[in-house]
Amino acid sequence: MFAVSPVVHSQIITQNFGAGFSIDFVRIGNAGNAADTSGNPNPAGSVSYTYNIGKYEISRDMINKANALGGLNITMADFSISTPTIPYRGGNGADRPAPGISWYDAARFVNYLNTSSGSSAAYKFDVSGNFQLWSSSDAGYNAGNKFRNNLATYFLPSMDEWYKAAYYDPSKNSGLGGYWLFATQSNSTPSYSSGGTSPNSAIYGDQTSPADITNAGGLSAYGTMAQGGNLWEWLETANDLSNNDASELRAIRGGGFDNINTDSYQESNSASASWGSQPTDGNIKNGFRIAMVPEPSALSLITVSLGALALVRRRRS
């Protein structure tokens, strides 16, 4: 017997950047959705506005091109070598996700996207490159979030923005909306994979490297890929959920490619898993995706995914 795969509610928005790359975003609508009260943090996932989030993680190619034109000097982990203590390999292909990224480097990349396209920087760095909180004298200051400037177009997703894109499904509960436990439209642990796009699959299981960003597992209800597995992803939000200390721990979610079994995957990747790390942490398994405010001019670039209109059969797990 066959089961019908979950429907993906995605609208694709492609943004082109002068550095020679483009980023695909998906529209996250259903503004004012109810929060999830069964995950971590609790509550989580309620967002009162429409926004866009990256369909994929940021790739090595995007970082390399931004480095070349923007002089960002962001370094990435080298996956072209393998040692007894770091047995990772698989190469530094252009479409691999960018690994070994600190929160500060992710913020600098986001700022480059903003300033190179005529928008305001999302995050404040002083002349010495030290991260600072926005102050009430700054245009775009938001007393409720001293990390992000309200005038920016691109930013790292907040906890609620990331959580909603990963786990919320507007078609659950007869169209009233609800949450999945995993970011693959499932309450059952995804099957592990080294690469592929099968429904309810993810990149984990003692893999030695991440998969290409477009080949990294099944999709969330909104059409994002690899919010569970491949690389850990930095969130904008502080680990204590209060963005009021420049040096405090940042939230990081999604797990990595080397969660060795289903137990460790569930501990790292489910809606109940939330972790924090120092913003200077450039761990070899850390990466990120970005979000943006929707622009009226972007409406002409929207392509409605045929996946939202088609029912694709898959094998019952």
C-alpha atoms as a PDB file:
ATOM      1  CA  MET A   1       0.000   0.000   0.000  1.00  0.00           C
ATOM      2  CA  PHE A   2       1.001   3.603  -0.557  1.00  0.00           C
ATOM      3  CA  ALA A   3       0.525   6.712   1.565  1.00  0.00           C
ATOM      4  CA  VAL A   4       0.226  10.283   0.355  1.00  0.00           C
ATOM      5  CA  SER A   5       3.173  12.535   1.128  1.00  0.00           C
ATOM      6  CA  PRO A   6       2.544  15.696   3.137  1.00  0.00           C
ATOM      7  CA  VAL A   7       1.532  18.820   1.234  1.00  0.00           C
ATOM      8  CA  VAL A   8       4.094  21.634   1.162  1.00  0.00           C
ATOM      9  CA  HIS A   9       2.649  25.131   1.558  1.00  0.00           C
ATOM     10  CA  SER A  10       5.473  27.019  -0.153  1.00  0.00           C
ATOM     11  CA  GLN A  11       5.918  30.143  -2.202  1.00  0.00           C
ATOM     12  CA  ILE A  12       9.448  30.597  -3.540  1.00  0.00           C
ATOM     13  CA  ILE A  13      10.997  34.063  -3.583  1.00  0.00           C
ATOM     14  CA  THR A  14      14.432  34.323  -5.224  1.00  0.00           C
ATOM     15  CA  GLN A  15      16.655  37.244  -4.267  1.00  0.00           C
ATOM     16  CA  ASN A  16      19.686  37.997  -6.450  1.00  0.00           C
ATOM     17  CA  PHE A  17      22.776  39.633  -4.983  1.00  0.00           C
ATOM     18  CA  GLY A  18      25.534  41.572  -6.710  1.00  0.00           C
ATOM     19  CA  ALA A  19      28.137  39.190  -5.350  1.00  0.00           C
ATOM     20  CA  GLY A  20      27.015  36.684  -7.970  1.00  0.00           C
ATOM     21  CA  PHE A  21      24.682  34.410  -6.061  1.00  0.00           C
ATOM     22  CA  SER A  22      20.994  34.155  -5.275  1.00  0.00           C
ATOM     23  CA  ILE A  23      19.091  32.916  -2.232  1.00  0.00           C
ATOM     24  CA  ASP A  24      15.739  31.149  -2.364  1.00  0.00           C
ATOM     25  CA  PHE A  25      13.281  32.059   0.364  1.00  0.00           C
ATOM     26  CA  VAL A  26       9.906  30.590   1.281  1.00  0.00           C
ATOM     27  CA  ARG A  27       7.009  32.732   2.464  1.00  0.00           C
ATOM     28  CA  ILE A  28       5.889  32.055   6.035  1.00  0.00           C
ATOM     29  CA  GLY A  29       2.328  33.289   6.252  1.00  0.00           C
ATOM     30  CA  ASN A  30      -0.527  32.458   8.621  1.00  0.00           C
ATOM     31  CA  ALA A  31       0.315  35.485  10.744  1.00  0.00           C
ATOM     32  CA  GLY A  32      -0.883  35.333  14.324  1.00  0.00           C
ATOM     33  CA  ASN A  33      -0.725  31.547  14.551  1.00  0.00           C
ATOM     34  CA  ALA A  34      -1.055  29.965  17.966  1.00  0.00           C
ATOM     35  CA  ALA A  35       2.115  29.059  19.841  1.00  0.00           C
ATOM     36  CA  ASP A  36       3.273  25.527  20.520  1.00  0.00           C
ATOM     37  CA  THR A  37       3.033  24.751  24.229  1.00  0.00           C
ATOM     38  CA  SER A  38       4.580  21.302  24.093  1.00  0.00           C
ATOM     39  CA  GLY A  39       8.090  22.079  22.813  1.00  0.00           C
ATOM     40  CA  ASN A  40      11.164  23.952  24.011  1.00  0.00           C
ATOM     41  CA  PRO A  41      11.022  26.823  24.711  1.00  0.00           C
ATOM     42  CA  ASN A  42       7.450  26.907  25.875  1.00  0.00           C
ATOM     43  CA  PRO A  43       5.595  28.660  24.334  1.00  0.00           C
ATOM     44  CA  ALA A  44       7.233  28.966  20.906  1.00  0.00           C
ATOM     45  CA  GLY A  45       6.429  29.502  17.251  1.00  0.00           C
ATOM     46  CA  SER A  46       3.769  32.207  17.330  1.00  0.00           C
ATOM     47  CA  VAL A  47       4.637  35.010  14.867  1.00  0.00           C
ATOM     48  CA  SER A  48       2.294  37.947  14.334  1.00  0.00           C
ATOM     49  CA  TYR A  49       3.551  38.904  10.863  1.00  0.00           C
ATOM     50  CA  THR A  50       4.425  37.408   7.495  1.00  0.00           C
ATOM     51  CA  TYR A  51       8.129  36.909   6.759  1.00  0.00           C
ATOM     52  CA  ASN A  52      10.413  34.931   4.453  1.00  0.00           C
ATOM     53  CA  ILE A  53      13.058  32.409   5.476  1.00  0.00           C
ATOM     54  CA  GLY A  54      15.780  30.659   3.500  1.00  0.00           C
ATOM     55  CA  LYS A  55      14.613  27.442   1.896  1.00  0.00           C
ATOM     56  CA  TYR A  56      18.174  26.161   2.280  1.00  0.00           C
ATOM     57  CA  GLU A  57      21.172  26.733   4.527  1.00  0.00           C
ATOM     58  CA  ILE A  58      23.768  29.271   3.397  1.00  0.00           C
ATOM     59  CA  SER A  59      26.331  27.592   1.131  1.00  0.00           C
ATOM     60  CA  ARG A  60      30.116  27.732   0.889  1.00  0.00           C
ATOM     61  CA  ASP A  61      29.809  29.451  -2.490  1.00  0.00           C
ATOM     62  CA  MET A  62      27.726  32.274  -1.018  1.00  0.00           C
ATOM     63  CA  ILE A  63      30.296  32.893   1.708  1.00  0.00           C
ATOM     64  CA  ASN A  64      33.211  32.743  -0.743  1.00  0.00           C
ATOM     65  CA  LYS A  65      31.607  35.255  -3.103  1.00  0.00           C
ATOM     66  CA  ALA A  66      30.631  37.617  -0.287  1.00  0.00           C
ATOM     67  CA  ASN A  67      34.198  37.357   1.052  1.00  0.00           C
ATOM     68  CA  ALA A  68      35.631  38.244  -2.355  1.00  0.00           C
ATOM     69  CA  LEU A  69      33.526  41.351  -2.903  1.00  0.00           C
ATOM     70  CA  GLY A  70      32.844  42.420   0.669  1.00  0.00           C
ATOM     71  CA  GLY A  71      36.193  41.658   2.292  1.00  0.00           C
ATOM     72  CA  LEU A  72      34.412  39.833   5.112  1.00  0.00           C
ATOM     73  CA  ASN A  73      37.281  37.438   5.892  1.00  0.00           C
ATOM     74  CA  ILE A  74      34.895  34.748   7.055  1.00  0.00           C
ATOM     75  CA  THR A  75      36.690  31.431   7.407  1.00  0.00           C
ATOM     76  CA  MET A  76      35.032  28.047   7.018  1.00  0.00           C
ATOM     77  CA  ALA A  77      35.983  24.570   8.147  1.00  0.00           C
ATOM     78  CA  ASP A  78      38.025  22.611   5.613  1.00  0.00           C
ATOM     79  CA  PHE A  79      36.325  19.360   4.595  1.00  0.00           C
ATOM     80  CA  SER A  80      38.972  18.431   2.042  1.00  0.00           C
ATOM     81  CA  ILE A  81      41.173  16.765   4.655  1.00  0.00           C
ATOM     82  CA  SER A  82      40.694  14.038   7.215  1.00  0.00           C
ATOM     83  CA  THR A  83      42.697  13.359  10.345  1.00  0.00           C
ATOM     84  CA  PRO A  84      42.341  10.789  13.143  1.00  0.00           C
ATOM     85  CA  THR A  85      40.892  13.469  15.417  1.00  0.00           C
ATOM     86  CA  ILE A  86      38.725  15.117  12.721  1.00  0.00           C
ATOM     87  CA  PRO A  87      37.571  12.304  10.449  1.00  0.00           C
ATOM     88  CA  TYR A  88      35.415  14.534   8.293  1.00  0.00           C
ATOM     89  CA  ARG A  89      35.772  14.548   4.548  1.00  0.00           C
ATOM     90  CA  GLY A  90      33.686  15.012   1.444  1.00  0.00           C
ATOM     91  CA  GLY A  91      35.290  18.119   0.017  1.00  0.00           C
ATOM     92  CA  ASN A  92      34.529  21.810  -0.124  1.00  0.00           C
ATOM     93  CA  GLY A  93      31.966  21.777  -2.928  1.00  0.00           C
ATOM     94  CA  ALA A  94      30.302  25.089  -3.748  1.00  0.00           C
ATOM     95  CA  ASP A  95      26.844  23.811  -2.800  1.00  0.00           C
ATOM     96  CA  ARG A  96      27.856  22.319   0.535  1.00  0.00           C
ATOM     97  CA  PRO A  97      26.545  24.296   3.531  1.00  0.00           C
ATOM     98  CA  ALA A  98      29.040  26.740   5.050  1.00  0.00           C
ATOM     99  CA  PRO A  99      30.533  24.988   8.128  1.00  0.00           C
ATOM    100  CA  GLY A 100      32.592  26.313  11.031  1.00  0.00           C
ATOM    101  CA  ILE A 101      30.710  29.628  11.195  1.00  0.00           C
ATOM    102  CA  SER A 102      30.449  31.663  14.386  1.00  0.00           C
ATOM    103  CA  TRP A 103      27.364  33.721  15.235  1.00  0.00           C
ATOM    104  CA  TYR A 104      29.377  36.890  14.678  1.00  0.00           C
ATOM    105  CA  ASP A 105      30.451  35.735  11.206  1.00  0.00           C
ATOM    106  CA  ALA A 106      26.847  34.897  10.331  1.00  0.00           C
ATOM    107  CA  ALA A 107      25.832  38.392  11.486  1.00  0.00           C
ATOM    108  CA  ARG A 108      28.558  39.992   9.326  1.00  0.00           C
ATOM    109  CA  PHE A 109      27.363  38.055   6.284  1.00  0.00           C
ATOM    110  CA  VAL A 110      23.800  39.229   6.934  1.00  0.00           C
ATOM    111  CA  ASN A 111      25.005  42.823   7.265  1.00  0.00           C
ATOM    112  CA  TYR A 112      26.784  42.523   3.921  1.00  0.00           C
ATOM    113  CA  LEU A 113      23.555  41.382   2.249  1.00  0.00           C
ATOM    114  CA  ASN A 114      21.792  44.418   3.674  1.00  0.00           C
ATOM    115  CA  THR A 115      24.368  47.118   2.976  1.00  0.00           C
ATOM    116  CA  SER A 116      25.300  45.817  -0.485  1.00  0.00           C
ATOM    117  CA  SER A 117      21.648  46.007  -1.518  1.00  0.00           C
ATOM    118  CA  GLY A 118      20.976  49.460  -0.054  1.00  0.00           C
ATOM    119  CA  SER A 119      19.376  48.423   3.219  1.00  0.00           C
ATOM    120  CA  SER A 120      20.391  49.093   6.818  1.00  0.00           C
ATOM    121  CA  ALA A 121      22.704  46.729   8.682  1.00  0.00           C
ATOM    122  CA  ALA A 122      20.822  44.323  10.930  1.00  0.00           C
ATOM    123  CA  TYR A 123      23.568  44.051  13.573  1.00  0.00           C
ATOM    124  CA  LYS A 124      25.786  46.672  15.134  1.00  0.00           C
ATOM    125  CA  PHE A 125      29.571  46.310  15.186  1.00  0.00           C
ATOM    126  CA  ASP A 126      31.950  49.043  16.367  1.00  0.00           C
ATOM    127  CA  VAL A 127      34.994  50.194  14.382  1.00  0.00           C
ATOM    128  CA  SER A 128      37.056  47.448  15.994  1.00  0.00           C
ATOM    129  CA  GLY A 129      34.594  44.786  14.870  1.00  0.00           C
ATOM    130  CA  ASN A 130      33.044  44.186  18.283  1.00  0.00           C
ATOM    131  CA  PHE A 131      29.349  43.370  18.410  1.00  0.00           C
ATOM    132  CA  GLN A 132      27.205  45.998  20.180  1.00  0.00           C
ATOM    133  CA  LEU A 133      23.583  46.413  21.201  1.00  0.00           C
ATOM    134  CA  TRP A 134      21.523  48.978  19.315  1.00  0.00           C
ATOM    135  CA  SER A 135      20.714  52.001  21.482  1.00  0.00           C
ATOM    136  CA  SER A 136      17.739  54.333  21.663  1.00  0.00           C
ATOM    137  CA  SER A 137      19.698  56.962  19.702  1.00  0.00           C
ATOM    138  CA  ASP A 138      20.020  54.636  16.705  1.00  0.00           C
ATOM    139  CA  ALA A 139      17.477  54.722  13.890  1.00  0.00           C
ATOM    140  CA  GLY A 140      15.654  51.414  13.778  1.00  0.00           C
ATOM    141  CA  TYR A 141      16.121  50.762  17.498  1.00  0.00           C
ATOM    142  CA  ASN A 142      13.744  48.199  18.994  1.00  0.00           C
ATOM    143  CA  ALA A 143      13.663  48.121  22.792  1.00  0.00           C
ATOM    144  CA  GLY A 144      12.229  44.590  22.662  1.00  0.00           C
ATOM    145  CA  ASN A 145      15.129  43.252  20.578  1.00  0.00           C
ATOM    146  CA  LYS A 146      18.385  45.133  20.970  1.00  0.00           C
ATOM    147  CA  PHE A 147      20.187  42.766  18.593  1.00  0.00           C
ATOM    148  CA  ARG A 148      18.222  43.437  15.373  1.00  0.00           C
ATOM    149  CA  ASN A 149      17.725  46.791  13.669  1.00  0.00           C
ATOM    150  CA  ASN A 150      14.134  47.222  12.533  1.00  0.00           C
ATOM    151  CA  LEU A 151      15.219  48.910   9.276  1.00  0.00           C
ATOM    152  CA  ALA A 152      17.127  45.856   8.035  1.00  0.00           C
ATOM    153  CA  THR A 153      15.765  43.661   5.270  1.00  0.00           C
ATOM    154  CA  TYR A 154      17.812  40.511   6.033  1.00  0.00           C
ATOM    155  CA  PHE A 155      18.514  38.995   9.441  1.00  0.00           C
ATOM    156  CA  LEU A 156      19.127  35.762  11.297  1.00  0.00           C
ATOM    157  CA  PRO A 157      15.809  34.150  12.214  1.00  0.00           C
ATOM    158  CA  SER A 158      14.575  34.569  15.747  1.00  0.00           C
ATOM    159  CA  MET A 159      13.629  31.573  17.862  1.00  0.00           C
ATOM    160  CA  ASP A 160       9.933  31.954  17.002  1.00  0.00           C
ATOM    161  CA  GLU A 161      10.605  32.596  13.295  1.00  0.00           C
ATOM    162  CA  TRP A 162      12.853  29.538  13.002  1.00  0.00           C
ATOM    163  CA  TYR A 163      10.560  27.329  15.107  1.00  0.00           C
ATOM    164  CA  LYS A 164       7.453  28.201  13.090  1.00  0.00           C
ATOM    165  CA  ALA A 165       9.175  27.537   9.750  1.00  0.00           C
ATOM    166  CA  ALA A 166      10.423  24.180  11.008  1.00  0.00           C
ATOM    167  CA  TYR A 167       7.466  22.710  12.871  1.00  0.00           C
ATOM    168  CA  TYR A 168       4.226  24.591  12.157  1.00  0.00           C
ATOM    169  CA  ASP A 169       1.756  23.225   9.620  1.00  0.00           C
ATOM    170  CA  PRO A 170      -1.285  25.380   8.779  1.00  0.00           C
ATOM    171  CA  SER A 171      -3.170  22.350   7.430  1.00  0.00           C
ATOM    172  CA  LYS A 172      -3.019  20.325  10.653  1.00  0.00           C
ATOM    173  CA  ASN A 173      -6.118  19.881  12.819  1.00  0.00           C
ATOM    174  CA  SER A 174      -8.529  20.269   9.894  1.00  0.00           C
ATOM    175  CA  GLY A 175      -6.986  23.552   8.822  1.00  0.00           C
ATOM    176  CA  LEU A 176      -6.747  25.105  12.272  1.00  0.00           C
ATOM    177  CA  GLY A 177      -2.963  24.619  12.319  1.00  0.00           C
ATOM    178  CA  GLY A 178      -0.607  22.776  14.604  1.00  0.00           C
ATOM    179  CA  TYR A 179       2.944  21.587  15.150  1.00  0.00           C
ATOM    180  CA  TRP A 180       4.996  18.549  14.187  1.00  0.00           C
ATOM    181  CA  LEU A 181       7.694  17.119  16.424  1.00  0.00           C
ATOM    182  CA  PHE A 182      10.240  17.089  13.585  1.00  0.00           C
ATOM    183  CA  ALA A 183      10.966  19.555  10.772  1.00  0.00           C
ATOM    184  CA  THR A 184       9.958  16.986   8.154  1.00  0.00           C
ATOM    185  CA  GLN A 185       6.179  17.101   8.755  1.00  0.00           C
ATOM    186  CA  SER A 186       6.313  14.086  11.039  1.00  0.00           C
ATOM    187  CA  ASN A 187       6.041  12.988  14.634  1.00  0.00           C
ATOM    188  CA  SER A 188       8.134   9.936  13.770  1.00  0.00           C
ATOM    189  CA  THR A 189      11.925  10.170  13.719  1.00  0.00           C
ATOM    190  CA  PRO A 190      13.132  10.781  10.140  1.00  0.00           C
ATOM    191  CA  SER A 191      15.133   8.088   8.397  1.00  0.00           C
ATOM    192  CA  TYR A 192      18.834   8.894   8.242  1.00  0.00           C
ATOM    193  CA  SER A 193      20.599   9.626   4.996  1.00  0.00           C
ATOM    194  CA  SER A 194      23.872  10.919   3.557  1.00  0.00           C
ATOM    195  CA  GLY A 195      21.946  12.854   0.911  1.00  0.00           C
ATOM    196  CA  GLY A 196      18.592  12.940  -0.848  1.00  0.00           C
ATOM    197  CA  THR A 197      15.171  14.559  -0.629  1.00  0.00           C
ATOM    198  CA  SER A 198      12.890  11.707   0.390  1.00  0.00           C
ATOM    199  CA  PRO A 199       9.986  12.755   2.632  1.00  0.00           C
ATOM    200  CA  ASN A 200      10.753  12.440   6.341  1.00  0.00           C
ATOM    201  CA  SER A 201      14.477  11.904   5.828  1.00  0.00           C
ATOM    202  CA  ALA A 202      17.372  13.897   7.291  1.00  0.00           C
ATOM    203  CA  ILE A 203      21.158  14.051   7.130  1.00  0.00           C
ATOM    204  CA  TYR A 204      22.413  12.254  10.228  1.00  0.00           C
ATOM    205  CA  GLY A 205      23.476   8.786  11.294  1.00  0.00           C
ATOM    206  CA  ASP A 206      27.218   9.119  11.822  1.00  0.00           C
ATOM    207  CA  GLN A 207      27.807  10.816   8.472  1.00  0.00           C
ATOM    208  CA  THR A 208      31.286  12.211   7.814  1.00  0.00           C
ATOM    209  CA  SER A 209      30.125  15.405   6.080  1.00  0.00           C
ATOM    210  CA  PRO A 210      26.982  17.409   5.351  1.00  0.00           C
ATOM    211  CA  ALA A 211      25.069  17.068   2.081  1.00  0.00           C
ATOM    212  CA  ASP A 212      24.621  19.774  -0.561  1.00  0.00           C
ATOM    213  CA  ILE A 213      22.086  22.339   0.613  1.00  0.00           C
ATOM    214  CA  THR A 214      19.515  21.285  -2.024  1.00  0.00           C
ATOM    215  CA  ASN A 215      19.933  17.568  -1.303  1.00  0.00           C
ATOM    216  CA  ALA A 216      19.579  17.527   2.466  1.00  0.00           C
ATOM    217  CA  GLY A 217      16.400  15.709   3.401  1.00  0.00           C
ATOM    218  CA  GLY A 218      12.638  16.050   3.448  1.00  0.00           C
ATOM    219  CA  LEU A 219      10.819  19.381   3.643  1.00  0.00           C
ATOM    220  CA  SER A 220       8.930  21.149   6.398  1.00  0.00           C
ATOM    221  CA  ALA A 221       5.308  22.121   5.801  1.00  0.00           C
ATOM    222  CA  TYR A 222       6.457  25.516   4.493  1.00  0.00           C
ATOM    223  CA  GLY A 223       9.091  23.953   2.249  1.00  0.00           C
ATOM    224  CA  THR A 224      12.331  24.511   4.158  1.00  0.00           C
ATOM    225  CA  MET A 225      15.051  21.864   3.969  1.00  0.00           C
ATOM    226  CA  ALA A 226      17.485  20.639   6.642  1.00  0.00           C
ATOM    227  CA  GLN A 227      16.072  22.379   9.693  1.00  0.00           C
ATOM    228  CA  GLY A 228      16.726  19.001  11.290  1.00  0.00           C
ATOM    229  CA  GLY A 229      20.170  17.645  10.434  1.00  0.00           C
ATOM    230  CA  ASN A 230      23.061  18.603   8.105  1.00  0.00           C
ATOM    231  CA  LEU A 231      24.435  21.561  10.138  1.00  0.00           C
ATOM    232  CA  TRP A 232      23.497  23.197  13.414  1.00  0.00           C
ATOM    233  CA  GLU A 233      21.926  26.595  12.664  1.00  0.00           C
ATOM    234  CA  TRP A 234      22.496  29.837  14.521  1.00  0.00           C
ATOM    235  CA  LEU A 235      19.436  31.760  15.634  1.00  0.00           C
ATOM    236  CA  GLU A 236      19.397  35.464  16.314  1.00  0.00           C
ATOM    237  CA  THR A 237      17.852  34.936  19.737  1.00  0.00           C
ATOM    238  CA  ALA A 238      19.870  34.705  22.918  1.00  0.00           C
ATOM    239  CA  ASN A 239      19.667  31.389  24.704  1.00  0.00           C
ATOM    240  CA  ASP A 240      17.775  33.006  27.591  1.00  0.00           C
ATOM    241  CA  LEU A 241      15.339  34.539  25.043  1.00  0.00           C
ATOM    242  CA  SER A 242      16.224  38.091  26.078  1.00  0.00           C
ATOM    243  CA  ASN A 243      18.442  39.932  23.586  1.00  0.00           C
ATOM    244  CA  ASN A 244      19.986  42.393  26.000  1.00  0.00           C
ATOM    245  CA  ASP A 245      23.618  41.276  26.451  1.00  0.00           C
ATOM    246  CA  ALA A 246      26.072  41.509  23.556  1.00  0.00           C
ATOM    247  CA  SER A 247      28.173  38.557  24.690  1.00  0.00           C
ATOM    248  CA  GLU A 248      25.504  36.149  25.975  1.00  0.00           C
ATOM    249  CA  LEU A 249      24.923  32.651  24.630  1.00  0.00           C
ATOM    250  CA  ARG A 250      22.997  32.406  21.381  1.00  0.00           C
ATOM    251  CA  ALA A 251      20.395  29.766  20.593  1.00  0.00           C
ATOM    252  CA  ILE A 252      21.456  27.139  18.063  1.00  0.00           C
ATOM    253  CA  ARG A 253      19.130  24.436  16.731  1.00  0.00           C
ATOM    254  CA  GLY A 254      18.669  21.701  14.200  1.00  0.00           C
ATOM    255  CA  GLY A 255      21.412  19.216  14.976  1.00  0.00           C
ATOM    256  CA  GLY A 256      24.256  18.115  12.738  1.00  0.00           C
ATOM    257  CA  PHE A 257      25.199  15.485  10.207  1.00  0.00           C
ATOM    258  CA  ASP A 258      26.905  13.249  12.765  1.00  0.00           C
ATOM    259  CA  ASN A 259      24.098  12.531  15.225  1.00  0.00           C
ATOM    260  CA  ILE A 260      24.879   8.841  15.336  1.00  0.00           C
ATOM    261  CA  ASN A 261      21.462   7.338  16.054  1.00  0.00           C
ATOM    262  CA  THR A 262      17.789   8.095  16.519  1.00  0.00           C
ATOM    263  CA  ASP A 263      18.162   8.785  20.235  1.00  0.00           C
ATOM    264  CA  SER A 264      20.802  11.484  19.736  1.00  0.00           C
ATOM    265  CA  TYR A 265      18.832  12.841  16.792  1.00  0.00           C
ATOM    266  CA  GLN A 266      15.712  13.262  18.911  1.00  0.00           C
ATOM    267  CA  GLU A 267      17.731  14.974  21.638  1.00  0.00           C
ATOM    268  CA  SER A 268      19.174  17.478  19.135  1.00  0.00           C
ATOM    269  CA  ASN A 269      16.605  17.966  16.400  1.00  0.00           C
ATOM    270  CA  SER A 270      13.055  17.763  17.703  1.00  0.00           C
ATOM    271  CA  ALA A 271      10.767  20.614  18.706  1.00  0.00           C
ATOM    272  CA  SER A 272      11.648  19.735  22.302  1.00  0.00           C
ATOM    273  CA  ALA A 273      15.393  20.334  21.756  1.00  0.00           C
ATOM    274  CA  SER A 274      16.917  23.759  22.357  1.00  0.00           C
ATOM    275  CA  TRP A 275      20.603  24.511  22.814  1.00  0.00           C
ATOM    276  CA  GLY A 276      22.902  27.475  23.339  1.00  0.00           C
ATOM    277  CA  SER A 277      26.486  28.285  22.408  1.00  0.00           C
ATOM    278  CA  GLN A 278      28.972  31.122  22.671  1.00  0.00           C
ATOM    279  CA  PRO A 279      28.629  33.509  19.705  1.00  0.00           C
ATOM    280  CA  THR A 280      32.364  33.063  19.055  1.00  0.00           C
ATOM    281  CA  ASP A 281      31.911  29.298  18.581  1.00  0.00           C
ATOM    282  CA  GLY A 282      33.079  28.314  15.091  1.00  0.00           C
ATOM    283  CA  ASN A 283      32.454  24.610  15.566  1.00  0.00           C
ATOM    284  CA  ILE A 284      32.978  22.546  12.418  1.00  0.00           C
ATOM    285  CA  LYS A 285      29.264  21.615  12.454  1.00  0.00           C
ATOM    286  CA  ASN A 286      27.838  25.139  12.842  1.00  0.00           C
ATOM    287  CA  GLY A 287      26.093  26.904   9.961  1.00  0.00           C
ATOM    288  CA  PHE A 288      23.046  29.095   9.401  1.00  0.00           C
ATOM    289  CA  ARG A 289      20.173  30.209   7.194  1.00  0.00           C
ATOM    290  CA  ILE A 290      18.757  33.700   6.927  1.00  0.00           C
ATOM    291  CA  ALA A 291      15.347  35.373   6.967  1.00  0.00           C
ATOM    292  CA  MET A 292      13.978  38.587   5.497  1.00  0.00           C
ATOM    293  CA  VAL A 293      11.012  40.907   5.651  1.00  0.00           C
ATOM    294  CA  PRO A 294       8.754  40.526   2.612  1.00  0.00           C
ATOM    295  CA  GLU A 295       8.975  43.400   0.151  1.00  0.00           C
ATOM    296  CA  PRO A 296       6.086  44.438  -2.116  1.00  0.00           C
ATOM    297  CA  SER A 297       8.482  44.384  -5.080  1.00  0.00           C
ATOM    298  CA  ALA A 298       9.236  40.738  -4.381  1.00  0.00           C
ATOM    299  CA  LEU A 299       5.663  39.681  -5.145  1.00  0.00           C
ATOM    300  CA  SER A 300       6.422  39.621  -8.862  1.00  0.00           C
ATOM    301  CA  LEU A 301       9.174  37.082  -8.184  1.00  0.00           C
ATOM    302  CA  ILE A 302       6.967  34.598  -6.363  1.00  0.00           C
ATOM    303  CA  THR A 303       6.617  31.184  -7.912  1.00  0.00           C
ATOM    304  CA  VAL A 304       3.962  29.016  -6.353  1.00  0.00           C
ATOM    305  CA  SER A 305       5.435  25.603  -5.799  1.00  0.00           C
ATOM    306  CA  LEU A 306       3.680  22.905  -7.757  1.00  0.00           C
ATOM    307  CA  GLY A 307       4.411  20.705  -4.804  1.00  0.00           C
ATOM    308  CA  ALA A 308       1.627  22.530  -2.957  1.00  0.00           C
ATOM    309  CA  LEU A 309      -0.842  21.404  -5.624  1.00  0.00           C
ATOM    310  CA  ALA A 310       0.324  17.850  -6.295  1.00  0.00           C
ATOM    311  CA  LEU A 311      -0.010  14.729  -4.227  1.00  0.00           C
ATOM    312  CA  VAL A 312       3.063  12.531  -4.530  1.00  0.00           C
ATOM    313  CA  ARG A 313       2.950   8.938  -3.453  1.00  0.00           C
ATOM    314  CA  ARG A 314       5.609   7.529  -1.176  1.00  0.00           C
ATOM    315  CA  ARG A 315       6.175   4.240   0.542  1.00  0.00           C
ATOM    316  CA  ARG A 316       4.640   3.861   3.968  1.00  0.00           C
ATOM    317  CA  SER A 317       7.406   3.839   6.601  1.00  0.00           C
END
